[in-house]
Amino acid sequence: MSIRYFSRRMYLLLTCFVFYATIQVTVKSESAEIWENEYKAYGRTIKVNVDLTVPEKDIMPFLAVEPMNELSPEETDRFQKFIYTLDNNVENKIVNRKSTIVISYGDHKHHPDLSDAEKVTTPYRTLLEYDMNKAYAENNELTINEAVILVNRSIQSVLPSASFQVQDIIVNDRIQYRKSKQKLVDKGYYEMYCLQEIDGIPVAGSIHDVYKHNRTALDRMIDNYGTAYVNATDQNNYWGTYTLWNKASELGTSDQLRSFDDIKPAIEEMIMSGNIRNIYHVYFGYAQYDMPEGSKYEYVLAPAWVIWADFLDTPSEEPETETVNGTGAYMEWGCYGPIIVNAVTGEVTNPLDENEDRMLLPVSCMKWVEDY
């Protein structure tokens, strides 16, 4: 996902688009809802202080999924009806490009220099800790919770059942001239990376996003599914891209899933080996796997623990980071990505794996998929 984030960020800067839970699936765990510890590895101190994000669901079946369909005329009409409800009179559009829906709306014209990346810049910072009910963007009263509501309101104007939760947030200050620092817009805005929810469960990662080497165009396409990337300024100024999975079929359900206590030692081993340097998110949700050629389904979602972390190839390697306002924008580093632990089998992905079958659902999970 780091590659996806970087390309989107560069697209934003160059074009200056400024329209801008706890599961009970028989998982038994004595651990708290926060993973907090300090590890010493290869002369470094790795501090972990991260919430465990777990949905409030009693069951978590395997799901067969397929890429979203192109929008129907009826769905496009829904967006036009939604636009009429806005206090807005300049530019509104919805574009369905193959697997991606682009939604934008704005209520004012923009300065002609906004598109000149040589003249203007946007100071930004990663929001590592935040209160959902507080506002953080410059000269902007929009809270994080209100921004998430915008994410869902916008896509639900087209697909009423779609739902997303926020994963990562960058706060962008007002765009300004590089030399004079004069501001060109009234408000800062949130740049948000979001995860699709299916039946209230986050699609927390794709197997195509795990591996660091021999990545293909297909990997970069598939790892976008189940995500949204948005720029949210206020109720009338918004730009977002959505790439969704459609649930094709509900498959089998395992009656025993691994708890976080069960899988934590495998992640700790990666920390102590010098590969993991930071941990940002821990989700209990769905992970996307491929199915073998000739299977009834091409893609499935399986119950998994998904850990979003900085993973380096070797203990001696250091990440190439850019510090912005004192905080590194970790989503843009080449080392940021998911580690998937299958909650049924306990199998852990290794980002350095180069085996040809590395994208496939573990064989031991097939019995919950093949007979459905």
Protein backbone atom coordinates (compact mmCIF):
# COMPACT_ATOMS: atom_id res chain seq x y z
CA MET A 1 0.00 0.00 0.00
CA SER A 2 2.92 2.32 0.44
CA ILE A 3 3.32 2.47 -3.36
CA ARG A 4 -0.37 3.26 -3.75
CA TYR A 5 -0.22 6.02 -1.15
CA PHE A 6 2.87 7.57 -2.69
CA SER A 7 1.44 7.68 -6.19
CA ARG A 8 -1.80 9.23 -4.97
CA ARG A 9 0.02 11.82 -2.90
CA MET A 10 2.15 12.86 -5.88
CA TYR A 11 -0.98 13.00 -8.03
CA LEU A 12 -2.56 15.31 -5.49
CA LEU A 13 0.44 17.62 -5.26
CA LEU A 14 0.93 17.86 -9.00
CA THR A 15 -2.69 18.48 -9.89
CA CYS A 16 -3.74 20.25 -6.68
CA PHE A 17 -7.17 18.71 -6.29
CA VAL A 18 -8.31 20.72 -3.29
CA PHE A 19 -12.04 19.94 -3.28
CA TYR A 20 -11.28 19.18 -1.06
CA ALA A 21 -14.71 -2.40 17.51
CA THR A 22 -14.27 -6.07 19.52
CA ILE A 23 -15.06 -9.54 18.02
CA GLN A 24 -16.56 -12.46 19.71
CA VAL A 25 -16.07 -15.07 17.02
CA THR A 26 -15.10 -17.66 19.62
CA VAL A 27 -11.81 -15.76 19.89
CA LYS A 28 -10.70 -16.07 23.50
CA SER A 29 -8.05 -13.63 24.68
CA GLU A 30 -6.91 -12.33 28.00
CA SER A 31 -4.99 -9.44 26.47
CA ALA A 32 -6.18 -5.86 26.72
CA GLU A 33 -7.52 -3.86 23.77
CA ILE A 34 -4.14 -2.12 23.50
CA TRP A 35 -0.79 -3.66 22.61
CA GLU A 36 1.79 -1.72 24.58
CA ASN A 37 5.39 -2.86 24.96
CA GLU A 38 8.98 -1.87 24.34
CA TYR A 39 11.47 -4.06 22.48
CA LYS A 40 15.26 -3.85 22.15
CA ALA A 41 16.57 -5.13 18.82
CA TYR A 42 19.82 -4.42 16.98
CA GLY A 43 20.57 -1.34 19.04
CA ARG A 44 17.14 0.15 18.47
CA THR A 45 14.24 0.64 20.82
CA ILE A 46 10.92 -0.29 19.20
CA LYS A 47 7.99 1.14 21.13
CA VAL A 48 4.58 -0.36 20.43
CA ASN A 49 1.45 1.41 21.64
CA VAL A 50 -1.44 0.55 19.35
CA ASP A 51 -5.15 -0.16 19.69
CA LEU A 52 -6.49 -3.53 18.60
CA THR A 53 -9.31 -2.78 16.17
CA VAL A 54 -11.82 -5.62 16.39
CA PRO A 55 -15.39 -5.57 14.96
CA GLU A 56 -18.42 -6.38 17.05
CA LYS A 57 -19.48 -9.49 15.19
CA ASP A 58 -20.47 -12.97 16.37
CA ILE A 59 -19.41 -14.80 13.20
CA MET A 60 -16.91 -14.20 10.44
CA PRO A 61 -17.46 -16.48 7.45
CA PHE A 62 -15.14 -16.76 4.47
CA LEU A 63 -16.48 -14.64 1.60
CA ALA A 64 -16.13 -14.94 -2.16
CA VAL A 65 -15.72 -11.46 -3.62
CA GLU A 66 -15.39 -9.91 -7.03
CA PRO A 67 -14.40 -6.46 -8.31
CA MET A 68 -17.22 -3.95 -8.28
CA ASN A 69 -19.37 -3.59 -11.36
CA GLU A 70 -19.62 -0.43 -13.41
CA LEU A 71 -22.30 1.89 -12.15
CA SER A 72 -25.76 1.58 -13.59
CA PRO A 73 -27.67 4.63 -14.89
CA GLU A 74 -29.90 4.38 -11.80
CA GLU A 75 -26.88 4.58 -9.49
CA THR A 76 -25.50 7.59 -11.34
CA ASP A 77 -28.90 9.27 -11.09
CA ARG A 78 -28.78 8.80 -7.30
CA PHE A 79 -25.64 10.92 -7.19
CA GLN A 80 -27.28 13.71 -9.16
CA LYS A 81 -30.17 13.74 -6.69
CA PHE A 82 -27.68 13.88 -3.82
CA ILE A 83 -25.89 16.87 -5.39
CA TYR A 84 -29.16 18.82 -5.45
CA THR A 85 -29.22 18.66 -1.64
CA LEU A 86 -25.89 20.53 -1.35
CA ASP A 87 -25.43 24.26 -0.98
CA ASN A 88 -23.23 24.13 -4.01
CA ASN A 89 -23.11 25.69 -7.47
CA VAL A 90 -19.81 25.19 -9.27
CA GLU A 91 -18.45 21.72 -10.04
CA ASN A 92 -19.94 18.32 -9.23
CA LYS A 93 -19.10 15.07 -10.93
CA ILE A 94 -19.04 11.32 -10.65
CA VAL A 95 -16.74 9.23 -12.83
CA ASN A 96 -16.71 5.45 -13.02
CA ARG A 97 -13.33 4.43 -14.44
CA LYS A 98 -13.33 0.65 -14.70
CA SER A 99 -13.09 -0.42 -11.06
CA THR A 100 -12.94 3.03 -9.45
CA ILE A 101 -15.62 5.56 -8.61
CA VAL A 102 -14.46 9.18 -8.41
CA ILE A 103 -16.81 11.58 -6.61
CA SER A 104 -16.13 15.29 -6.32
CA TYR A 105 -18.08 18.38 -5.49
CA GLY A 106 -17.10 21.95 -4.72
CA ASP A 107 -18.86 25.22 -4.03
CA HIS A 108 -16.33 27.82 -5.14
CA LYS A 109 -13.84 28.63 -7.85
CA HIS A 110 -10.15 28.22 -7.13
CA HIS A 111 -7.11 30.41 -7.60
CA PRO A 112 -5.43 29.82 -11.01
CA ASP A 113 -2.03 29.26 -9.36
CA LEU A 114 -3.26 26.24 -7.40
CA SER A 115 -2.22 23.95 -10.24
CA ASP A 116 1.31 25.36 -10.41
CA ALA A 117 3.38 23.04 -8.21
CA GLU A 118 6.48 25.17 -8.71
CA LYS A 119 4.79 28.21 -7.14
CA VAL A 120 2.70 26.69 -4.37
CA THR A 121 3.06 24.11 -1.62
CA THR A 122 0.87 22.46 1.00
CA PRO A 123 2.39 21.96 4.48
CA TYR A 124 1.17 18.65 5.85
CA ARG A 125 1.61 16.26 8.74
CA THR A 126 0.53 12.77 9.68
CA LEU A 127 -2.14 12.62 12.38
CA LEU A 128 -0.90 9.78 14.56
CA GLU A 129 -3.19 10.37 17.54
CA TYR A 130 -6.52 12.12 17.46
CA ASP A 131 -9.92 12.55 19.05
CA MET A 132 -12.72 11.70 16.58
CA ASN A 133 -14.73 14.64 17.88
CA LYS A 134 -12.02 17.27 17.39
CA ALA A 135 -10.94 19.31 14.38
CA TYR A 136 -7.29 19.49 13.28
CA ALA A 137 -7.14 21.14 9.85
CA GLU A 138 -6.08 24.78 9.61
CA ASN A 139 -8.94 27.27 9.93
CA ASN A 140 -11.43 24.41 9.59
CA GLU A 141 -14.05 23.30 12.11
CA LEU A 142 -14.65 19.90 10.47
CA THR A 143 -13.99 17.13 12.99
CA ILE A 144 -12.52 13.73 12.13
CA ASN A 145 -15.88 12.10 12.81
CA GLU A 146 -17.64 14.56 10.49
CA ALA A 147 -15.03 13.83 7.80
CA VAL A 148 -15.71 10.08 8.10
CA ILE A 149 -19.42 10.81 7.77
CA LEU A 150 -18.62 12.65 4.52
CA VAL A 151 -16.70 9.62 3.25
CA ASN A 152 -19.73 7.41 3.75
CA ARG A 153 -22.38 9.95 2.80
CA SER A 154 -20.70 10.50 -0.55
CA ILE A 155 -20.38 6.85 -1.58
CA GLN A 156 -23.78 5.96 -0.14
CA SER A 157 -25.33 8.59 -2.40
CA VAL A 158 -24.49 6.09 -5.14
CA LEU A 159 -24.23 2.70 -3.38
CA PRO A 160 -26.39 2.84 -0.23
CA SER A 161 -24.93 -0.31 1.34
CA ALA A 162 -21.26 0.74 1.01
CA SER A 163 -19.38 1.56 4.20
CA PHE A 164 -15.84 2.65 5.10
CA GLN A 165 -13.78 3.33 8.20
CA VAL A 166 -10.72 5.56 8.41
CA GLN A 167 -7.24 4.03 8.56
CA ASP A 168 -4.67 6.81 8.07
CA ILE A 169 -5.00 10.60 8.10
CA ILE A 170 -2.78 13.38 6.80
CA VAL A 171 -3.71 16.93 7.79
CA ASN A 172 -3.04 19.41 5.00
CA ASP A 173 -2.73 23.07 5.90
CA ARG A 174 -3.91 25.79 3.56
CA ILE A 175 -2.13 25.87 0.20
CA GLN A 176 0.34 28.72 0.10
CA TYR A 177 2.94 30.34 -2.14
CA ARG A 178 6.36 28.81 -1.59
CA LYS A 179 8.18 32.15 -1.32
CA SER A 180 5.76 34.62 0.26
CA LYS A 181 3.80 32.02 2.33
CA GLN A 182 0.61 33.83 1.30
CA LYS A 183 -2.42 31.53 1.64
CA LEU A 184 -4.47 30.77 -1.47
CA VAL A 185 -7.43 28.93 0.08
CA ASP A 186 -9.64 29.49 3.10
CA LYS A 187 -9.27 26.12 4.82
CA GLY A 188 -6.98 23.19 5.32
CA TYR A 189 -8.32 19.70 4.71
CA TYR A 190 -7.99 16.02 5.59
CA GLU A 191 -6.36 13.48 3.32
CA MET A 192 -7.82 10.15 4.44
CA TYR A 193 -7.07 6.53 3.59
CA CYS A 194 -10.04 4.30 4.38
CA LEU A 195 -10.94 0.61 4.52
CA GLN A 196 -14.14 -0.88 3.13
CA GLU A 197 -16.40 -2.66 5.61
CA ILE A 198 -18.36 -5.72 4.51
CA ASP A 199 -21.07 -6.81 6.93
CA GLY A 200 -19.49 -4.51 9.51
CA ILE A 201 -16.04 -6.13 9.20
CA PRO A 202 -13.07 -4.17 7.76
CA VAL A 203 -11.25 -5.47 4.70
CA ALA A 204 -7.97 -4.75 6.45
CA GLY A 205 -5.46 -5.82 3.82
CA SER A 206 -4.76 -7.55 0.53
CA ILE A 207 -2.25 -10.32 -0.07
CA HIS A 208 -1.18 -8.30 -3.13
CA ASP A 209 -0.04 -5.51 -0.82
CA VAL A 210 2.18 -7.66 1.41
CA TYR A 211 5.17 -8.59 -0.68
CA LYS A 212 7.98 -6.15 -1.34
CA HIS A 213 9.63 -7.72 -4.38
CA ASN A 214 8.56 -8.72 -7.90
CA ARG A 215 5.41 -6.61 -7.70
CA THR A 216 3.33 -6.45 -10.87
CA ALA A 217 0.71 -4.15 -12.34
CA LEU A 218 -1.90 -6.69 -11.23
CA ASP A 219 -0.68 -6.43 -7.64
CA ARG A 220 -1.01 -2.67 -7.72
CA MET A 221 -4.52 -2.95 -9.14
CA ILE A 222 -5.86 -5.63 -6.80
CA ASP A 223 -4.43 -4.08 -3.63
CA ASN A 224 -6.59 -1.01 -4.27
CA TYR A 225 -9.82 -2.97 -3.87
CA GLY A 226 -11.56 -2.41 -0.59
CA THR A 227 -10.09 1.07 -0.15
CA ALA A 228 -11.04 4.72 -0.48
CA TYR A 229 -8.78 7.74 -0.73
CA VAL A 230 -10.38 11.13 -0.08
CA ASN A 231 -9.71 14.82 0.43
CA ALA A 232 -12.38 16.22 2.75
CA THR A 233 -12.65 19.95 3.41
CA ASP A 234 -16.27 20.47 4.45
CA GLN A 235 -19.86 19.52 3.65
CA ASN A 236 -19.68 21.10 0.20
CA ASN A 237 -16.07 20.52 -0.83
CA TYR A 238 -14.94 16.95 -1.31
CA TRP A 239 -12.97 14.68 -3.63
CA GLY A 240 -12.74 10.92 -3.25
CA THR A 241 -11.89 7.71 -5.10
CA TYR A 242 -13.51 4.43 -4.10
CA THR A 243 -12.56 0.93 -5.25
CA LEU A 244 -14.89 -1.70 -3.83
CA TRP A 245 -15.24 -5.43 -3.51
CA ASN A 246 -18.69 -6.89 -4.14
CA LYS A 247 -19.67 -9.85 -1.98
CA ALA A 248 -20.42 -12.70 -4.36
CA SER A 249 -21.15 -15.49 -1.88
CA GLU A 250 -20.94 -16.35 1.80
CA LEU A 251 -18.85 -19.48 2.26
CA GLY A 252 -17.93 -21.63 5.25
CA THR A 253 -17.22 -20.53 8.81
CA SER A 254 -14.49 -21.82 11.10
CA ASP A 255 -15.66 -22.23 14.69
CA GLN A 256 -12.18 -21.47 16.05
CA LEU A 257 -10.12 -18.40 15.25
CA ARG A 258 -6.75 -17.40 16.64
CA SER A 259 -6.69 -14.73 19.32
CA PHE A 260 -4.22 -11.88 19.35
CA ASP A 261 -2.34 -13.64 22.16
CA ASP A 262 -1.92 -16.59 19.80
CA ILE A 263 -0.44 -14.60 16.92
CA LYS A 264 1.52 -11.90 18.75
CA PRO A 265 4.72 -14.00 19.20
CA ALA A 266 5.13 -14.25 15.41
CA ILE A 267 5.01 -10.46 15.08
CA GLU A 268 7.34 -10.02 18.04
CA GLU A 269 9.81 -12.33 16.31
CA MET A 270 9.84 -10.00 13.29
CA ILE A 271 10.52 -7.10 15.64
CA MET A 272 13.39 -8.89 17.33
CA SER A 273 14.84 -9.96 13.97
CA GLY A 274 15.31 -6.27 13.13
CA ASN A 275 12.75 -6.20 10.28
CA ILE A 276 9.77 -4.45 11.89
CA ARG A 277 10.60 -0.91 13.04
CA ASN A 278 7.17 0.59 13.74
CA ILE A 279 3.65 -0.76 14.18
CA TYR A 280 0.78 1.58 13.35
CA HIS A 281 -2.41 -0.53 13.22
CA VAL A 282 -3.62 -3.95 14.32
CA TYR A 283 -6.92 -5.10 12.80
CA PHE A 284 -8.98 -8.20 13.26
CA GLY A 285 -10.97 -8.39 10.06
CA TYR A 286 -10.78 -9.71 6.53
CA ALA A 287 -7.72 -10.23 4.36
CA GLN A 288 -8.00 -10.83 0.63
CA TYR A 289 -6.38 -13.93 -0.89
CA ASP A 290 -6.30 -15.33 -4.43
CA MET A 291 -7.72 -18.75 -5.30
CA PRO A 292 -5.88 -21.34 -7.41
CA GLU A 293 -6.47 -21.28 -11.16
CA GLY A 294 -9.59 -23.22 -12.10
CA SER A 295 -11.35 -22.56 -8.79
CA LYS A 296 -15.01 -21.57 -8.64
CA TYR A 297 -14.02 -18.20 -7.22
CA GLU A 298 -11.07 -15.96 -8.08
CA TYR A 299 -10.81 -13.96 -4.86
CA VAL A 300 -11.81 -14.67 -1.26
CA LEU A 301 -11.79 -12.81 2.03
CA ALA A 302 -10.57 -14.80 5.03
CA PRO A 303 -10.58 -13.96 8.76
CA ALA A 304 -7.19 -12.54 9.67
CA TRP A 305 -5.14 -10.36 11.93
CA VAL A 306 -3.61 -7.61 9.80
CA ILE A 307 -0.70 -5.64 11.21
CA TRP A 308 0.30 -2.45 9.39
CA ALA A 309 3.98 -1.80 10.03
CA ASP A 310 7.29 -0.54 8.70
CA PHE A 311 9.13 -3.66 7.50
CA LEU A 312 12.75 -3.43 6.33
CA ASP A 313 14.55 -6.14 4.33
CA THR A 314 17.55 -6.34 6.66
CA PRO A 315 18.35 -5.32 10.24
CA SER A 316 20.98 -2.85 9.00
CA GLU A 317 18.70 -1.04 6.54
CA GLU A 318 17.27 2.34 7.50
CA PRO A 319 14.03 3.79 6.06
CA GLU A 320 14.24 6.78 3.77
CA THR A 321 12.05 9.25 5.60
CA GLU A 322 11.03 12.84 5.15
CA THR A 323 10.17 14.68 8.33
CA VAL A 324 7.28 17.07 7.91
CA ASN A 325 6.41 19.37 10.82
CA GLY A 326 8.16 16.94 13.13
CA THR A 327 6.23 13.88 11.96
CA GLY A 328 7.19 11.48 9.20
CA ALA A 329 4.45 10.73 6.68
CA TYR A 330 4.87 6.99 7.06
CA MET A 331 2.30 6.13 4.38
CA GLU A 332 4.79 7.40 1.77
CA TRP A 333 7.71 5.25 2.86
CA GLY A 334 8.45 2.17 0.80
CA CYS A 335 8.56 0.03 3.94
CA TYR A 336 4.97 0.65 5.13
CA GLY A 337 2.56 -2.21 4.49
CA PRO A 338 0.52 -5.08 5.95
CA ILE A 339 1.57 -8.35 7.52
CA ILE A 340 -1.27 -10.86 7.38
CA VAL A 341 -1.77 -13.60 9.94
CA ASN A 342 -4.47 -16.06 8.91
CA ALA A 343 -6.81 -16.31 11.90
CA VAL A 344 -7.83 -19.89 11.04
CA THR A 345 -4.40 -21.45 10.49
CA GLY A 346 -2.06 -18.97 12.16
CA GLU A 347 0.06 -18.78 8.99
CA VAL A 348 2.04 -15.54 8.77
CA THR A 349 3.01 -13.76 5.55
CA ASN A 350 6.67 -12.87 5.06
CA PRO A 351 7.08 -9.68 2.98
CA LEU A 352 10.33 -11.11 1.54
CA ASP A 353 8.67 -14.28 0.20
CA GLU A 354 9.12 -14.74 -3.55
CA ASN A 355 7.35 -18.09 -4.02
CA GLU A 356 4.98 -18.29 -6.99
CA ASP A 357 2.05 -19.42 -4.82
CA ARG A 358 2.51 -16.72 -2.18
CA MET A 359 -0.80 -15.00 -3.10
CA LEU A 360 -2.96 -18.11 -2.68
CA LEU A 361 -5.31 -18.94 0.16
CA PRO A 362 -3.56 -21.48 2.44
CA VAL A 363 -4.40 -25.03 1.46
CA SER A 364 -5.59 -25.78 4.98
CA CYS A 365 -8.36 -23.18 4.52
CA MET A 366 -9.74 -24.70 1.32
CA LYS A 367 -12.32 -26.86 3.10
CA TRP A 368 -14.22 -23.71 4.07
CA VAL A 369 -14.27 -22.56 0.45
CA GLU A 370 -14.37 -25.48 -1.98
CA ASP A 371 -17.72 -27.00 -0.97
CA TYR A 372 -19.71 -23.75 -1.19
